[in-house]
Structure formats: C-alpha cells, structure tokens
Amino acid sequence: IALGLGSTECILLTVMAYDRFNAICRPLHYSVIMNSKILQTLAAMAWISGFVESTIQTILIFQLPLCSHHRLDDFVCEEPALIKIACVDKTFLENELSVASVLFVIIPLGLILVSYGYIMRSVLRIKLAKGRSKAFGTCRSHMIVVLLFFGTIIFVYEQPKSKYTQKHSKFLTLFYTVVTPSLNPLIYTLRNKEVKWALKRLLARDSR
C-alpha cells in the first residue's frame, strides 16, 4: 500500500504542476483545458498506474528467496532493502527498479521542473508586484511538497549504493513515507486565510 501511495503521489504532483502551468500560463483557456472530465481522467490514471506498478514490484519481490537471517535494515519493507537481503542474482530486479524509478521519479520530476520553468518565465513578465506575489502564492505549497517528497525519495532510489547511503536511506525512507505525508495537510491549508489567522493567534497566545 505504501509503495502504491508513493507511486501515485509522484504522478499526482506532476498533474498538479500541469494544473498550475495552465492556471498561470494559459489563464483564459484554463477552464476549457482543465475541465472536470480531464481532471477525473488524470486522477484515475495516477491512481491506476501507481497501484499497478506497485503490485508488479510487490509480486516480483516476494518471489525472491531471502537469506536465512531475514533481517531487514530498514524501518519499512522498502524494495531496495528487500533486494539487498535476497540470496539470488539481483540483476533483473535492480534493473526493473531502475526502470520504475525513471518512470515514476525522474520523468515526473523532469516534467514538474519544465512546468515551473514556463511558470517562472510567465511570472517574471508580470509587471505588477502584487500579481507576481499572487502567482507565486498559487505555486508555493506545491513547490514545498515537491522539494520535500522528491528530495528524499531520490536519495533512496537514485543514489549509488554506498555505506553512507545504506546507513542514512532508512531515515530518509521514514521521512518521505511518514513525515512528508503528515505535513501535507498543514502545508496546503496554510494558503487558507482562516487557517493563517488561527495559527497567528495560537502563536501569539503561546508567546505570552
């Protein structure tokens, strides 16, 4: 389930970047491009692709004969950690994991960066400072989540295997599977004026 949710979030963050690209770069055509049918299709594709990919990886992983000690050096049953304790040739699964990482991490992140490149160009063309601030405010929450989520997941799945990455990857795994999803509601709701007002009031009360 965790693998499926993680894969789905990679696609959903890409869809959200596309949504913001259309909102800022094509505001007059936004309602036509991002209509309800398209949104439903994109959401369905994200969920289906994420769970199909995770199901395939889970089936392949749990067919592996594991070493006798069965000790997993991780907080959760992450695929890299399970491959590490397998007692057979791991080349196929390592290659399969690399392909999945490209499809669900590298390509989505690349598309997000391209979207924000166009967004940045459009925002810089806005003459009014208030307009630029509003445009950046539309993207701020999404950018923070992208940095937190992809920043940690890349270290786990894309870094070369070394003593340093093996030692610290389990803490990064805990971060993007537990900490980042827990922070998501707070990050996105901070755009809400009522939430901001309540938070300022709480902080002011605590400072007394």
C-alpha atoms as a PDB file:
ATOM      1  CA  ILE A   1       0.000   0.000   0.000  1.00  0.00           C
ATOM      2  CA  ALA A   2       2.790   2.423   0.938  1.00  0.00           C
ATOM      3  CA  LEU A   3       4.557   1.759  -2.378  1.00  0.00           C
ATOM      4  CA  GLY A   4       1.319   2.291  -4.291  1.00  0.00           C
ATOM      5  CA  LEU A   5       0.571   5.550  -2.484  1.00  0.00           C
ATOM      6  CA  GLY A   6       4.128   6.773  -3.057  1.00  0.00           C
ATOM      7  CA  SER A   7       3.998   5.994  -6.789  1.00  0.00           C
ATOM      8  CA  THR A   8       0.584   7.624  -7.067  1.00  0.00           C
ATOM      9  CA  GLU A   9       1.812  10.770  -5.309  1.00  0.00           C
ATOM     10  CA  CYS A  10       4.637  11.118  -7.851  1.00  0.00           C
ATOM     11  CA  ILE A  11       2.056  11.227 -10.659  1.00  0.00           C
ATOM     12  CA  LEU A  12      -0.389  13.429  -8.732  1.00  0.00           C
ATOM     13  CA  LEU A  13       2.329  16.010  -8.034  1.00  0.00           C
ATOM     14  CA  THR A  14       3.068  16.063 -11.774  1.00  0.00           C
ATOM     15  CA  VAL A  15      -0.630  16.572 -12.551  1.00  0.00           C
ATOM     16  CA  MET A  16      -0.749  19.409 -10.016  1.00  0.00           C
ATOM     17  CA  ALA A  17       2.252  21.054 -11.693  1.00  0.00           C
ATOM     18  CA  TYR A  18       0.426  20.811 -15.041  1.00  0.00           C
ATOM     19  CA  ASP A  19      -2.655  22.361 -13.401  1.00  0.00           C
ATOM     20  CA  ARG A  20      -0.623  25.311 -12.127  1.00  0.00           C
ATOM     21  CA  PHE A  21       1.082  25.696 -15.517  1.00  0.00           C
ATOM     22  CA  ASN A  22      -2.313  26.093 -17.175  1.00  0.00           C
ATOM     23  CA  ALA A  23      -3.616  28.394 -14.425  1.00  0.00           C
ATOM     24  CA  ILE A  24      -0.692  30.821 -14.757  1.00  0.00           C
ATOM     25  CA  CYS A  25       0.478  30.449 -18.371  1.00  0.00           C
ATOM     26  CA  ARG A  26      -2.933  29.891 -20.006  1.00  0.00           C
ATOM     27  CA  PRO A  27      -5.453  31.563 -17.665  1.00  0.00           C
ATOM     28  CA  LEU A  28      -8.012  32.326 -20.396  1.00  0.00           C
ATOM     29  CA  HIS A  29      -8.102  28.696 -21.538  1.00  0.00           C
ATOM     30  CA  TYR A  30      -7.801  27.119 -18.084  1.00  0.00           C
ATOM     31  CA  SER A  31     -11.463  26.169 -17.654  1.00  0.00           C
ATOM     32  CA  VAL A  32     -11.505  24.552 -21.105  1.00  0.00           C
ATOM     33  CA  ILE A  33      -8.223  22.639 -20.717  1.00  0.00           C
ATOM     34  CA  MET A  34      -8.732  21.530 -17.099  1.00  0.00           C
ATOM     35  CA  ASN A  35     -12.382  20.571 -17.330  1.00  0.00           C
ATOM     36  CA  SER A  36     -13.937  18.037 -14.953  1.00  0.00           C
ATOM     37  CA  LYS A  37     -13.606  15.141 -17.418  1.00  0.00           C
ATOM     38  CA  ILE A  38      -9.877  15.748 -17.909  1.00  0.00           C
ATOM     39  CA  LEU A  39      -9.339  16.070 -14.141  1.00  0.00           C
ATOM     40  CA  GLN A  40     -11.154  12.788 -13.485  1.00  0.00           C
ATOM     41  CA  THR A  41      -9.126  11.051 -16.203  1.00  0.00           C
ATOM     42  CA  LEU A  42      -5.798  12.355 -14.877  1.00  0.00           C
ATOM     43  CA  ALA A  43      -6.684  11.376 -11.296  1.00  0.00           C
ATOM     44  CA  ALA A  44      -7.759   7.884 -12.402  1.00  0.00           C
ATOM     45  CA  MET A  45      -4.547   7.430 -14.433  1.00  0.00           C
ATOM     46  CA  ALA A  46      -2.444   8.474 -11.426  1.00  0.00           C
ATOM     47  CA  TRP A  47      -4.116   6.019  -9.041  1.00  0.00           C
ATOM     48  CA  ILE A  48      -4.270   3.122 -11.514  1.00  0.00           C
ATOM     49  CA  SER A  49      -0.668   3.485 -12.732  1.00  0.00           C
ATOM     50  CA  GLY A  50       0.642   3.864  -9.185  1.00  0.00           C
ATOM     51  CA  PHE A  51      -1.029   0.732  -7.852  1.00  0.00           C
ATOM     52  CA  VAL A  52      -0.377  -1.369 -10.976  1.00  0.00           C
ATOM     53  CA  GLU A  53       3.335  -0.539 -10.741  1.00  0.00           C
ATOM     54  CA  SER A  54       3.453  -1.274  -7.007  1.00  0.00           C
ATOM     55  CA  THR A  55       1.563  -4.570  -7.453  1.00  0.00           C
ATOM     56  CA  ILE A  56       4.028  -5.767 -10.086  1.00  0.00           C
ATOM     57  CA  GLN A  57       7.012  -4.848  -7.910  1.00  0.00           C
ATOM     58  CA  THR A  58       5.472  -6.494  -4.838  1.00  0.00           C
ATOM     59  CA  ILE A  59       4.824  -9.761  -6.703  1.00  0.00           C
ATOM     60  CA  LEU A  60       8.376  -9.840  -8.054  1.00  0.00           C
ATOM     61  CA  ILE A  61       9.956  -9.001  -4.700  1.00  0.00           C
ATOM     62  CA  PHE A  62       8.076 -11.579  -2.640  1.00  0.00           C
ATOM     63  CA  GLN A  63       9.069 -14.354  -5.029  1.00  0.00           C
ATOM     64  CA  LEU A  64      12.695 -13.825  -4.012  1.00  0.00           C
ATOM     65  CA  PRO A  65      14.306 -16.357  -1.700  1.00  0.00           C
ATOM     66  CA  LEU A  66      15.629 -14.360   1.229  1.00  0.00           C
ATOM     67  CA  CYS A  67      18.762 -15.118   3.238  1.00  0.00           C
ATOM     68  CA  SER A  68      18.385 -17.155   6.391  1.00  0.00           C
ATOM     69  CA  HIS A  69      18.590 -14.279   8.867  1.00  0.00           C
ATOM     70  CA  HIS A  70      15.664 -12.336   7.265  1.00  0.00           C
ATOM     71  CA  ARG A  71      16.845  -9.165   8.997  1.00  0.00           C
ATOM     72  CA  LEU A  72      15.780  -6.024   7.189  1.00  0.00           C
ATOM     73  CA  ASP A  73      17.988  -2.977   7.778  1.00  0.00           C
ATOM     74  CA  ASP A  74      15.143  -0.504   7.384  1.00  0.00           C
ATOM     75  CA  PHE A  75      12.057   0.818   9.162  1.00  0.00           C
ATOM     76  CA  VAL A  76       9.681  -0.396   6.424  1.00  0.00           C
ATOM     77  CA  CYS A  77       9.755  -3.113   3.735  1.00  0.00           C
ATOM     78  CA  GLU A  78      11.260  -0.907   1.034  1.00  0.00           C
ATOM     79  CA  GLU A  79      12.217  -2.655  -2.203  1.00  0.00           C
ATOM     80  CA  PRO A  80      15.936  -1.696  -2.135  1.00  0.00           C
ATOM     81  CA  ALA A  81      16.247  -3.131   1.392  1.00  0.00           C
ATOM     82  CA  LEU A  82      14.494  -6.375   0.412  1.00  0.00           C
ATOM     83  CA  ILE A  83      16.656  -6.785  -2.695  1.00  0.00           C
ATOM     84  CA  LYS A  84      19.708  -6.359  -0.507  1.00  0.00           C
ATOM     85  CA  ILE A  85      18.941  -9.496   1.573  1.00  0.00           C
ATOM     86  CA  ALA A  86      17.939 -11.709  -1.376  1.00  0.00           C
ATOM     87  CA  CYS A  87      20.069 -14.830  -1.899  1.00  0.00           C
ATOM     88  CA  VAL A  88      19.847 -14.971  -5.718  1.00  0.00           C
ATOM     89  CA  ASP A  89      21.073 -12.929  -8.645  1.00  0.00           C
ATOM     90  CA  LYS A  90      19.507  -9.485  -8.190  1.00  0.00           C
ATOM     91  CA  THR A  91      20.378  -8.018 -11.589  1.00  0.00           C
ATOM     92  CA  PHE A  92      16.880  -8.315 -13.062  1.00  0.00           C
ATOM     93  CA  LEU A  93      15.164  -6.740 -10.065  1.00  0.00           C
ATOM     94  CA  GLU A  94      17.749  -3.965  -9.789  1.00  0.00           C
ATOM     95  CA  ASN A  95      17.219  -3.166 -13.474  1.00  0.00           C
ATOM     96  CA  GLU A  96      13.445  -3.313 -13.018  1.00  0.00           C
ATOM     97  CA  LEU A  97      13.718  -0.961 -10.045  1.00  0.00           C
ATOM     98  CA  SER A  98      15.837   1.430 -12.100  1.00  0.00           C
ATOM     99  CA  VAL A  99      13.214   1.476 -14.874  1.00  0.00           C
ATOM    100  CA  ALA A 100      10.406   2.061 -12.336  1.00  0.00           C
ATOM    101  CA  SER A 101      12.446   4.861 -10.734  1.00  0.00           C
ATOM    102  CA  VAL A 102      12.865   6.561 -14.096  1.00  0.00           C
ATOM    103  CA  LEU A 103       9.144   6.229 -14.902  1.00  0.00           C
ATOM    104  CA  PHE A 104       7.825   7.334 -11.513  1.00  0.00           C
ATOM    105  CA  VAL A 105      10.564   9.618 -10.168  1.00  0.00           C
ATOM    106  CA  ILE A 106      12.889  11.034 -12.841  1.00  0.00           C
ATOM    107  CA  ILE A 107      10.331  11.675 -15.608  1.00  0.00           C
ATOM    108  CA  PRO A 108       7.660  13.186 -13.284  1.00  0.00           C
ATOM    109  CA  LEU A 109      10.266  15.396 -11.614  1.00  0.00           C
ATOM    110  CA  GLY A 110      11.559  16.471 -15.033  1.00  0.00           C
ATOM    111  CA  LEU A 111       8.031  17.384 -16.170  1.00  0.00           C
ATOM    112  CA  ILE A 112       7.477  19.339 -12.944  1.00  0.00           C
ATOM    113  CA  LEU A 113      10.707  21.291 -13.465  1.00  0.00           C
ATOM    114  CA  VAL A 114       9.769  22.045 -17.080  1.00  0.00           C
ATOM    115  CA  SER A 115       6.328  23.258 -15.949  1.00  0.00           C
ATOM    116  CA  TYR A 116       7.877  25.545 -13.352  1.00  0.00           C
ATOM    117  CA  GLY A 117      10.358  26.826 -15.917  1.00  0.00           C
ATOM    118  CA  TYR A 118       7.447  28.055 -18.053  1.00  0.00           C
ATOM    119  CA  ILE A 119       5.644  29.324 -14.944  1.00  0.00           C
ATOM    120  CA  MET A 120       8.709  31.292 -13.834  1.00  0.00           C
ATOM    121  CA  ARG A 121       9.035  32.866 -17.285  1.00  0.00           C
ATOM    122  CA  SER A 122       5.363  33.900 -17.266  1.00  0.00           C
ATOM    123  CA  VAL A 123       5.523  35.275 -13.725  1.00  0.00           C
ATOM    124  CA  LEU A 124       8.592  37.394 -14.480  1.00  0.00           C
ATOM    125  CA  ARG A 125       6.658  39.011 -17.322  1.00  0.00           C
ATOM    126  CA  ILE A 126       4.008  40.266 -14.891  1.00  0.00           C
ATOM    127  CA  LYS A 127       4.720  43.951 -14.227  1.00  0.00           C
ATOM    128  CA  LEU A 128       2.752  44.377 -11.002  1.00  0.00           C
ATOM    129  CA  ALA A 129       4.434  43.084  -7.836  1.00  0.00           C
ATOM    130  CA  LYS A 130       1.023  42.101  -6.425  1.00  0.00           C
ATOM    131  CA  GLY A 131       0.359  39.966  -9.497  1.00  0.00           C
ATOM    132  CA  ARG A 132       3.716  38.210  -9.192  1.00  0.00           C
ATOM    133  CA  SER A 133       3.132  37.589  -5.498  1.00  0.00           C
ATOM    134  CA  LYS A 134      -0.288  36.089  -6.196  1.00  0.00           C
ATOM    135  CA  ALA A 135       1.139  33.817  -8.913  1.00  0.00           C
ATOM    136  CA  PHE A 136       3.944  32.600  -6.641  1.00  0.00           C
ATOM    137  CA  GLY A 137       1.414  32.075  -3.846  1.00  0.00           C
ATOM    138  CA  THR A 138      -0.522  29.713  -6.122  1.00  0.00           C
ATOM    139  CA  CYS A 139       2.560  27.509  -6.501  1.00  0.00           C
ATOM    140  CA  ARG A 140       4.242  27.878  -3.090  1.00  0.00           C
ATOM    141  CA  SER A 141       2.578  24.955  -1.309  1.00  0.00           C
ATOM    142  CA  HIS A 142       3.087  22.601  -4.231  1.00  0.00           C
ATOM    143  CA  MET A 143       6.753  23.573  -4.567  1.00  0.00           C
ATOM    144  CA  ILE A 144       7.402  22.856  -0.877  1.00  0.00           C
ATOM    145  CA  VAL A 145       5.809  19.398  -1.117  1.00  0.00           C
ATOM    146  CA  VAL A 146       7.742  18.605  -4.305  1.00  0.00           C
ATOM    147  CA  LEU A 147      11.047  19.559  -2.661  1.00  0.00           C
ATOM    148  CA  LEU A 148      10.332  17.514   0.478  1.00  0.00           C
ATOM    149  CA  PHE A 149       8.997  14.438  -1.315  1.00  0.00           C
ATOM    150  CA  PHE A 150      11.252  14.159  -4.363  1.00  0.00           C
ATOM    151  CA  GLY A 151      14.288  15.461  -2.483  1.00  0.00           C
ATOM    152  CA  THR A 152      14.218  12.484  -0.116  1.00  0.00           C
ATOM    153  CA  ILE A 153      12.966   9.793  -2.498  1.00  0.00           C
ATOM    154  CA  ILE A 154      15.778  10.487  -4.978  1.00  0.00           C
ATOM    155  CA  PHE A 155      18.380   9.847  -2.281  1.00  0.00           C
ATOM    156  CA  VAL A 156      16.805   6.445  -1.546  1.00  0.00           C
ATOM    157  CA  TYR A 157      16.204   5.198  -5.101  1.00  0.00           C
ATOM    158  CA  GLU A 158      18.707   7.057  -7.280  1.00  0.00           C
ATOM    159  CA  GLN A 159      21.898   7.365  -5.231  1.00  0.00           C
ATOM    160  CA  PRO A 160      24.707   4.851  -5.840  1.00  0.00           C
ATOM    161  CA  LYS A 161      24.938   2.066  -3.273  1.00  0.00           C
ATOM    162  CA  SER A 162      27.499   3.029  -0.641  1.00  0.00           C
ATOM    163  CA  LYS A 163      27.930   2.713   3.101  1.00  0.00           C
ATOM    164  CA  TYR A 164      26.736   6.280   3.574  1.00  0.00           C
ATOM    165  CA  THR A 165      23.516   5.883   1.589  1.00  0.00           C
ATOM    166  CA  GLN A 166      22.734   2.490   3.125  1.00  0.00           C
ATOM    167  CA  LYS A 167      23.167   3.901   6.605  1.00  0.00           C
ATOM    168  CA  HIS A 168      21.060   7.007   6.092  1.00  0.00           C
ATOM    169  CA  SER A 169      18.494   5.856   3.497  1.00  0.00           C
ATOM    170  CA  LYS A 170      16.265   4.267   6.144  1.00  0.00           C
ATOM    171  CA  PHE A 171      15.877   7.654   7.875  1.00  0.00           C
ATOM    172  CA  LEU A 172      15.071   9.278   4.523  1.00  0.00           C
ATOM    173  CA  THR A 173      12.555   6.482   3.882  1.00  0.00           C
ATOM    174  CA  LEU A 174      10.867   7.290   7.183  1.00  0.00           C
ATOM    175  CA  PHE A 175      10.835  10.970   6.188  1.00  0.00           C
ATOM    176  CA  TYR A 176       9.055  10.609   2.830  1.00  0.00           C
ATOM    177  CA  THR A 177       6.690   7.829   3.967  1.00  0.00           C
ATOM    178  CA  VAL A 178       5.640   9.378   7.297  1.00  0.00           C
ATOM    179  CA  VAL A 179       6.855  12.955   7.824  1.00  0.00           C
ATOM    180  CA  THR A 180       6.065  14.443   4.399  1.00  0.00           C
ATOM    181  CA  PRO A 181       2.509  12.988   4.148  1.00  0.00           C
ATOM    182  CA  SER A 182       1.853  14.213   7.698  1.00  0.00           C
ATOM    183  CA  LEU A 183       2.994  17.730   6.760  1.00  0.00           C
ATOM    184  CA  ASN A 184       0.980  17.853   3.512  1.00  0.00           C
ATOM    185  CA  PRO A 185      -2.346  18.916   5.106  1.00  0.00           C
ATOM    186  CA  LEU A 186      -0.609  21.673   7.063  1.00  0.00           C
ATOM    187  CA  ILE A 187       1.350  22.917   4.030  1.00  0.00           C
ATOM    188  CA  TYR A 188      -1.702  23.081   1.767  1.00  0.00           C
ATOM    189  CA  THR A 189      -4.082  24.534   4.356  1.00  0.00           C
ATOM    190  CA  LEU A 190      -1.675  27.399   5.127  1.00  0.00           C
ATOM    191  CA  ARG A 191      -2.989  29.001   1.934  1.00  0.00           C
ATOM    192  CA  ASN A 192      -6.347  29.356   3.669  1.00  0.00           C
ATOM    193  CA  LYS A 193      -6.730  32.791   5.286  1.00  0.00           C
ATOM    194  CA  GLU A 194      -8.724  31.405   8.216  1.00  0.00           C
ATOM    195  CA  VAL A 195      -6.026  28.822   8.960  1.00  0.00           C
ATOM    196  CA  LYS A 196      -3.327  31.526   8.806  1.00  0.00           C
ATOM    197  CA  TRP A 197      -5.324  33.706  11.183  1.00  0.00           C
ATOM    198  CA  ALA A 198      -5.857  30.818  13.634  1.00  0.00           C
ATOM    199  CA  LEU A 199      -2.148  29.912  13.512  1.00  0.00           C
ATOM    200  CA  LYS A 200      -1.057  33.522  14.158  1.00  0.00           C
ATOM    201  CA  ARG A 201      -3.491  33.719  17.063  1.00  0.00           C
ATOM    202  CA  LEU A 202      -2.150  30.459  18.521  1.00  0.00           C
ATOM    203  CA  LEU A 203       1.467  31.602  18.225  1.00  0.00           C
ATOM    204  CA  ALA A 204       0.656  34.979  19.769  1.00  0.00           C
ATOM    205  CA  ARG A 205      -1.038  33.275  22.716  1.00  0.00           C
ATOM    206  CA  ASP A 206       1.906  30.916  23.261  1.00  0.00           C
ATOM    207  CA  SER A 207       4.394  33.773  23.187  1.00  0.00           C
ATOM    208  CA  ARG A 208       2.735  35.499  26.135  1.00  0.00           C
END
